[in-house]
Structures are given as structure tokens and as C-alpha cells.
């Protein structure tokens, strides 16, 4: 299942940073990470949008008979 989280630089930062546990990092370290992220992805902006996405593979299983 494709997941599209593309958007503006700020929107993509909010989406991507929310995927990781940044709580153990200091406020200064998170600010530096954000600054570095925005600088690195700035070249990817097309018409104000940063393309960003990933694919999630879903599977389900069913026990054939009770154990």
C-alpha cells in the first residue's frame, strides 16, 4: 500500500519527524536535525512540493486449526 506524505518542506518535515522518536534528543539537536533536513531536501522541491512516500506491505494469517 503506497503512502504519500509529500508536501511543502515544512509538511514533509512534520510527517517524517513524526515517524521517529525524537524525545530523547535535546531541543538543540532536533533543531539542528530539522535545519539539516530542510537544507538537504530543498533541491527536491518541484512547484513547491517535496515528493515523499513509502510503501507498507500488509499481510494477514489465519490459523488453519486450533492448537
PDB file of N, CA and C in Angstrom:
ATOM      1  N   UNK A   1       0.854  -1.162   0.000  1.00  0.00           N
ATOM      2  CA  UNK A   1       0.000   0.000   0.000  1.00  0.00           C
ATOM      3  C   UNK A   1       0.904   1.231   0.000  1.00  0.00           C
ATOM      4  N   UNK A   2       0.870   2.018  -1.055  1.00  0.00           N
ATOM      5  CA  UNK A   2       1.699   3.218  -1.101  1.00  0.00           C
ATOM      6  C   UNK A   2       1.140   4.312  -0.182  1.00  0.00           C
ATOM      7  N   UNK A   3       2.038   4.966   0.521  1.00  0.00           N
ATOM      8  CA  UNK A   3       1.693   6.060   1.419  1.00  0.00           C
ATOM      9  C   UNK A   3       2.393   7.310   0.901  1.00  0.00           C
ATOM     10  N   UNK A   4       1.630   8.320   0.530  1.00  0.00           N
ATOM     11  CA  UNK A   4       2.191   9.568   0.016  1.00  0.00           C
ATOM     12  C   UNK A   4       2.166  10.614   1.127  1.00  0.00           C
ATOM     13  N   UNK A   5       3.354  11.038   1.556  1.00  0.00           N
ATOM     14  CA  UNK A   5       3.445  12.092   2.567  1.00  0.00           C
ATOM     15  C   UNK A   5       4.156  13.321   1.998  1.00  0.00           C
ATOM     16  N   UNK A   6       4.110  13.455   0.686  1.00  0.00           N
ATOM     17  CA  UNK A   6       4.706  14.612   0.036  1.00  0.00           C
ATOM     18  C   UNK A   6       3.949  15.882   0.395  1.00  0.00           C
ATOM     19  N   UNK A   7       4.621  17.001   0.272  1.00  0.00           N
ATOM     20  CA  UNK A   7       4.014  18.296   0.559  1.00  0.00           C
ATOM     21  C   UNK A   7       5.083  19.362   0.553  1.00  0.00           C
ATOM     22  N   UNK A   8       4.817  20.457   1.219  1.00  0.00           N
ATOM     23  CA  UNK A   8       5.821  21.512   1.339  1.00  0.00           C
ATOM     24  C   UNK A   8       6.963  21.001   2.211  1.00  0.00           C
ATOM     25  N   UNK A   9       8.071  21.725   2.216  1.00  0.00           N
ATOM     26  CA  UNK A   9       9.197  21.335   3.074  1.00  0.00           C
ATOM     27  C   UNK A   9       8.756  21.143   4.524  1.00  0.00           C
ATOM     28  N   UNK A  10       8.000  22.092   5.031  1.00  0.00           N
ATOM     29  CA  UNK A  10       7.545  22.022   6.424  1.00  0.00           C
ATOM     30  C   UNK A  10       6.613  20.838   6.654  1.00  0.00           C
ATOM     31  N   UNK A  11       5.717  20.583   5.710  1.00  0.00           N
ATOM     32  CA  UNK A  11       4.793  19.457   5.853  1.00  0.00           C
ATOM     33  C   UNK A  11       5.534  18.124   5.857  1.00  0.00           C
ATOM     34  N   UNK A  12       6.508  18.000   4.970  1.00  0.00           N
ATOM     35  CA  UNK A  12       7.276  16.753   4.920  1.00  0.00           C
ATOM     36  C   UNK A  12       8.103  16.596   6.192  1.00  0.00           C
ATOM     37  N   UNK A  13       8.706  17.672   6.683  1.00  0.00           N
ATOM     38  CA  UNK A  13       9.444  17.593   7.943  1.00  0.00           C
ATOM     39  C   UNK A  13       8.523  17.113   9.064  1.00  0.00           C
ATOM     40  N   UNK A  14       7.339  17.697   9.161  1.00  0.00           N
ATOM     41  CA  UNK A  14       6.394  17.297  10.208  1.00  0.00           C
ATOM     42  C   UNK A  14       6.030  15.821  10.086  1.00  0.00           C
ATOM     43  N   UNK A  15       5.806  15.356   8.866  1.00  0.00           N
ATOM     44  CA  UNK A  15       5.455  13.951   8.655  1.00  0.00           C
ATOM     45  C   UNK A  15       6.621  13.028   8.990  1.00  0.00           C
ATOM     46  N   UNK A  16       7.778  13.326   8.431  1.00  0.00           N
ATOM     47  CA  UNK A  16       8.934  12.452   8.615  1.00  0.00           C
ATOM     48  C   UNK A  16       9.415  12.468  10.072  1.00  0.00           C
ATOM     49  N   UNK A  17       9.466  13.633  10.677  1.00  0.00           N
ATOM     50  CA  UNK A  17       9.944  13.700  12.064  1.00  0.00           C
ATOM     51  C   UNK A  17       8.986  12.981  13.016  1.00  0.00           C
ATOM     52  N   UNK A  18       7.720  12.899  12.624  1.00  0.00           N
ATOM     53  CA  UNK A  18       6.752  12.184  13.444  1.00  0.00           C
ATOM     54  C   UNK A  18       6.901  10.671  13.388  1.00  0.00           C
ATOM     55  N   UNK A  19       7.663  10.170  12.422  1.00  0.00           N
ATOM     56  CA  UNK A  19       7.890   8.732  12.307  1.00  0.00           C
ATOM     57  C   UNK A  19       8.960   8.242  13.270  1.00  0.00           C
ATOM     58  N   UNK A  20       9.709   9.149  13.841  1.00  0.00           N
ATOM     59  CA  UNK A  20      10.829   8.794  14.707  1.00  0.00           C
ATOM     60  C   UNK A  20      10.605   9.330  16.114  1.00  0.00           C
ATOM     61  N   UNK A  21      11.194   8.658  17.076  1.00  0.00           N
ATOM     62  CA  UNK A  21      11.122   9.096  18.467  1.00  0.00           C
ATOM     63  C   UNK A  21      12.241  10.108  18.699  1.00  0.00           C
ATOM     64  N   UNK A  22      11.907  11.380  18.613  1.00  0.00           N
ATOM     65  CA  UNK A  22      12.895  12.440  18.807  1.00  0.00           C
ATOM     66  C   UNK A  22      12.964  12.884  20.262  1.00  0.00           C
ATOM     67  N   UNK A  23      12.104  12.341  21.114  1.00  0.00           N
ATOM     68  CA  UNK A  23      12.035  12.767  22.514  1.00  0.00           C
ATOM     69  C   UNK A  23      13.377  12.665  23.253  1.00  0.00           C
ATOM     70  N   UNK A  24      14.178  11.620  23.015  1.00  0.00           N
ATOM     71  CA  UNK A  24      15.462  11.552  23.728  1.00  0.00           C
ATOM     72  C   UNK A  24      16.470  12.621  23.296  1.00  0.00           C
ATOM     73  N   UNK A  25      16.219  13.267  22.167  1.00  0.00           N
ATOM     74  CA  UNK A  25      17.157  14.277  21.666  1.00  0.00           C
ATOM     75  C   UNK A  25      16.913  15.609  22.355  1.00  0.00           C
ATOM     76  N   UNK A  26      17.963  16.379  22.490  1.00  0.00           N
ATOM     77  CA  UNK A  26      17.819  17.717  23.059  1.00  0.00           C
ATOM     78  C   UNK A  26      17.105  18.612  22.057  1.00  0.00           C
ATOM     79  N   UNK A  27      16.535  19.688  22.549  1.00  0.00           N
ATOM     80  CA  UNK A  27      15.852  20.642  21.668  1.00  0.00           C
ATOM     81  C   UNK A  27      16.825  21.191  20.623  1.00  0.00           C
ATOM     82  N   UNK A  28      18.047  21.433  21.046  1.00  0.00           N
ATOM     83  CA  UNK A  28      19.070  21.944  20.134  1.00  0.00           C
ATOM     84  C   UNK A  28      19.398  20.920  19.043  1.00  0.00           C
ATOM     85  N   UNK A  29      19.470  19.645  19.413  1.00  0.00           N
ATOM     86  CA  UNK A  29      19.776  18.591  18.440  1.00  0.00           C
ATOM     87  C   UNK A  29      18.636  18.434  17.431  1.00  0.00           C
ATOM     88  N   UNK A  30      17.392  18.512  17.889  1.00  0.00           N
ATOM     89  CA  UNK A  30      16.240  18.416  16.988  1.00  0.00           C
ATOM     90  C   UNK A  30      16.220  19.611  16.039  1.00  0.00           C
ATOM     91  N   UNK A  31      16.518  20.788  16.545  1.00  0.00           N
ATOM     92  CA  UNK A  31      16.561  21.981  15.697  1.00  0.00           C
ATOM     93  C   UNK A  31      17.634  21.834  14.626  1.00  0.00           C
ATOM     94  N   UNK A  32      18.774  21.279  14.994  1.00  0.00           N
ATOM     95  CA  UNK A  32      19.866  21.070  14.025  1.00  0.00           C
ATOM     96  C   UNK A  32      19.471  20.026  12.983  1.00  0.00           C
ATOM     97  N   UNK A  33      18.832  18.955  13.432  1.00  0.00           N
ATOM     98  CA  UNK A  33      18.366  17.922  12.516  1.00  0.00           C
ATOM     99  C   UNK A  33      17.355  18.503  11.529  1.00  0.00           C
ATOM    100  N   UNK A  34      16.430  19.311  12.019  1.00  0.00           N
ATOM    101  CA  UNK A  34      15.432  19.960  11.165  1.00  0.00           C
ATOM    102  C   UNK A  34      16.112  20.858  10.138  1.00  0.00           C
ATOM    103  N   UNK A  35      17.052  21.659  10.602  1.00  0.00           N
ATOM    104  CA  UNK A  35      17.784  22.563   9.715  1.00  0.00           C
ATOM    105  C   UNK A  35      18.517  21.768   8.628  1.00  0.00           C
ATOM    106  N   UNK A  36      19.193  20.708   9.020  1.00  0.00           N
ATOM    107  CA  UNK A  36      19.920  19.875   8.060  1.00  0.00           C
ATOM    108  C   UNK A  36      18.968  19.198   7.074  1.00  0.00           C
ATOM    109  N   UNK A  37      17.849  18.705   7.588  1.00  0.00           N
ATOM    110  CA  UNK A  37      16.854  18.056   6.728  1.00  0.00           C
ATOM    111  C   UNK A  37      16.337  19.030   5.674  1.00  0.00           C
ATOM    112  N   UNK A  38      15.914  20.203   6.119  1.00  0.00           N
ATOM    113  CA  UNK A  38      15.368  21.193   5.191  1.00  0.00           C
ATOM    114  C   UNK A  38      16.396  21.599   4.141  1.00  0.00           C
ATOM    115  N   UNK A  39      17.649  21.728   4.544  1.00  0.00           N
ATOM    116  CA  UNK A  39      18.709  22.095   3.595  1.00  0.00           C
ATOM    117  C   UNK A  39      18.953  20.984   2.577  1.00  0.00           C
ATOM    118  N   UNK A  40      18.945  19.736   3.039  1.00  0.00           N
ATOM    119  CA  UNK A  40      19.237  18.601   2.153  1.00  0.00           C
ATOM    120  C   UNK A  40      18.119  18.330   1.148  1.00  0.00           C
ATOM    121  N   UNK A  41      16.872  18.523   1.543  1.00  0.00           N
ATOM    122  CA  UNK A  41      15.765  18.206   0.632  1.00  0.00           C
ATOM    123  C   UNK A  41      15.312  19.404  -0.198  1.00  0.00           C
ATOM    124  N   UNK A  42      15.868  20.567   0.043  1.00  0.00           N
ATOM    125  CA  UNK A  42      15.452  21.774  -0.689  1.00  0.00           C
ATOM    126  C   UNK A  42      15.581  21.591  -2.199  1.00  0.00           C
ATOM    127  N   UNK A  43      16.588  20.852  -2.650  1.00  0.00           N
ATOM    128  CA  UNK A  43      16.783  20.638  -4.085  1.00  0.00           C
ATOM    129  C   UNK A  43      15.721  19.727  -4.696  1.00  0.00           C
ATOM    130  N   UNK A  44      14.956  19.041  -3.872  1.00  0.00           N
ATOM    131  CA  UNK A  44      13.933  18.125  -4.371  1.00  0.00           C
ATOM    132  C   UNK A  44      12.597  18.815  -4.631  1.00  0.00           C
ATOM    133  N   UNK A  45      12.487  20.072  -4.206  1.00  0.00           N
ATOM    134  CA  UNK A  45      11.222  20.808  -4.341  1.00  0.00           C
ATOM    135  C   UNK A  45      10.909  21.065  -5.813  1.00  0.00           C
ATOM    136  N   UNK A  46       9.692  20.679  -6.211  1.00  0.00           N
ATOM    137  CA  UNK A  46       9.194  20.945  -7.554  1.00  0.00           C
ATOM    138  C   UNK A  46       7.820  21.571  -7.407  1.00  0.00           C
ATOM    139  N   UNK A  47       7.658  22.774  -7.922  1.00  0.00           N
ATOM    140  CA  UNK A  47       6.387  23.503  -7.803  1.00  0.00           C
ATOM    141  C   UNK A  47       5.933  23.605  -6.346  1.00  0.00           C
ATOM    142  N   UNK A  48       6.909  23.789  -5.437  1.00  0.00           N
ATOM    143  CA  UNK A  48       6.604  23.967  -4.022  1.00  0.00           C
ATOM    144  C   UNK A  48       6.353  22.688  -3.251  1.00  0.00           C
ATOM    145  N   UNK A  49       6.476  21.540  -3.909  1.00  0.00           N
ATOM    146  CA  UNK A  49       6.174  20.253  -3.283  1.00  0.00           C
ATOM    147  C   UNK A  49       7.418  19.361  -3.253  1.00  0.00           C
ATOM    148  N   UNK A  50       7.618  18.700  -2.120  1.00  0.00           N
ATOM    149  CA  UNK A  50       8.675  17.694  -1.982  1.00  0.00           C
ATOM    150  C   UNK A  50       8.007  16.325  -2.122  1.00  0.00           C
ATOM    151  N   UNK A  51       8.402  15.561  -3.135  1.00  0.00           N
ATOM    152  CA  UNK A  51       7.829  14.225  -3.243  1.00  0.00           C
ATOM    153  C   UNK A  51       8.397  13.343  -2.132  1.00  0.00           C
ATOM    154  N   UNK A  52       7.527  12.648  -1.443  1.00  0.00           N
ATOM    155  CA  UNK A  52       7.977  11.786  -0.353  1.00  0.00           C
ATOM    156  C   UNK A  52       6.925  10.707  -0.136  1.00  0.00           C
ATOM    157  N   UNK A  53       7.365   9.505   0.001  1.00  0.00           N
ATOM    158  CA  UNK A  53       6.422   8.417   0.229  1.00  0.00           C
ATOM    159  C   UNK A  53       7.142   7.127   0.555  1.00  0.00           C
ATOM    160  N   UNK A  54       6.376   6.153   0.900  1.00  0.00           N
ATOM    161  CA  UNK A  54       6.903   4.827   1.183  1.00  0.00           C
ATOM    162  C   UNK A  54       5.792   3.815   0.954  1.00  0.00           C
ATOM    163  N   UNK A  55       6.170   2.568   0.953  1.00  0.00           N
ATOM    164  CA  UNK A  55       5.198   1.502   0.745  1.00  0.00           C
ATOM    165  C   UNK A  55       5.119   0.643   1.998  1.00  0.00           C
ATOM    166  N   UNK A  56       3.914   0.333   2.397  1.00  0.00           N
ATOM    167  CA  UNK A  56       3.682  -0.566   3.527  1.00  0.00           C
ATOM    168  C   UNK A  56       3.134  -1.864   2.952  1.00  0.00           C
ATOM    169  N   UNK A  57       3.740  -2.958   3.335  1.00  0.00           N
ATOM    170  CA  UNK A  57       3.264  -4.269   2.908  1.00  0.00           C
ATOM    171  C   UNK A  57       2.436  -4.868   4.043  1.00  0.00           C
ATOM    172  N   UNK A  58       1.201  -5.177   3.752  1.00  0.00           N
ATOM    173  CA  UNK A  58       0.301  -5.737   4.746  1.00  0.00           C
ATOM    174  C   UNK A  58       0.116  -7.226   4.479  1.00  0.00           C
ATOM    175  N   UNK A  59       0.073  -7.982   5.541  1.00  0.00           N
ATOM    176  CA  UNK A  59      -0.169  -9.417   5.418  1.00  0.00           C
ATOM    177  C   UNK A  59      -1.058  -9.849   6.570  1.00  0.00           C
ATOM    178  N   UNK A  60      -1.809 -10.878   6.327  1.00  0.00           N
ATOM    179  CA  UNK A  60      -2.612 -11.447   7.401  1.00  0.00           C
ATOM    180  C   UNK A  60      -2.463 -12.958   7.349  1.00  0.00           C
ATOM    181  N   UNK A  61      -2.674 -13.568   8.469  1.00  0.00           N
ATOM    182  CA  UNK A  61      -2.564 -15.025   8.553  1.00  0.00           C
ATOM    183  C   UNK A  61      -3.714 -15.544   9.397  1.00  0.00           C
ATOM    184  N   UNK A  62      -4.077 -16.770   9.145  1.00  0.00           N
ATOM    185  CA  UNK A  62      -5.140 -17.402   9.900  1.00  0.00           C
ATOM    186  C   UNK A  62      -4.672 -18.796  10.275  1.00  0.00           C
ATOM    187  N   UNK A  63      -4.872 -19.159  11.503  1.00  0.00           N
ATOM    188  CA  UNK A  63      -4.513 -20.473  11.981  1.00  0.00           C
ATOM    189  C   UNK A  63      -5.472 -21.478  11.341  1.00  0.00           C
ATOM    190  N   UNK A  64      -4.920 -22.490  10.694  1.00  0.00           N
ATOM    191  CA  UNK A  64      -5.743 -23.464   9.983  1.00  0.00           C
ATOM    192  C   UNK A  64      -6.628 -24.264  10.943  1.00  0.00           C
ATOM    193  N   UNK A  65      -6.103 -24.597  12.084  1.00  0.00           N
ATOM    194  CA  UNK A  65      -6.906 -25.339  13.075  1.00  0.00           C
ATOM    195  C   UNK A  65      -6.440 -24.934  14.463  1.00  0.00           C
ATOM    196  N   UNK A  66      -7.324 -24.919  15.413  1.00  0.00           N
ATOM    197  CA  UNK A  66      -6.936 -24.538  16.791  1.00  0.00           C
ATOM    198  C   UNK A  66      -5.899 -25.493  17.349  1.00  0.00           C
ATOM    199  N   UNK A  67      -5.018 -24.929  18.123  1.00  0.00           N
ATOM    200  CA  UNK A  67      -3.970 -25.747  18.763  1.00  0.00           C
ATOM    201  C   UNK A  67      -4.447 -26.193  20.122  1.00  0.00           C
TER     202      UNK A  67
END
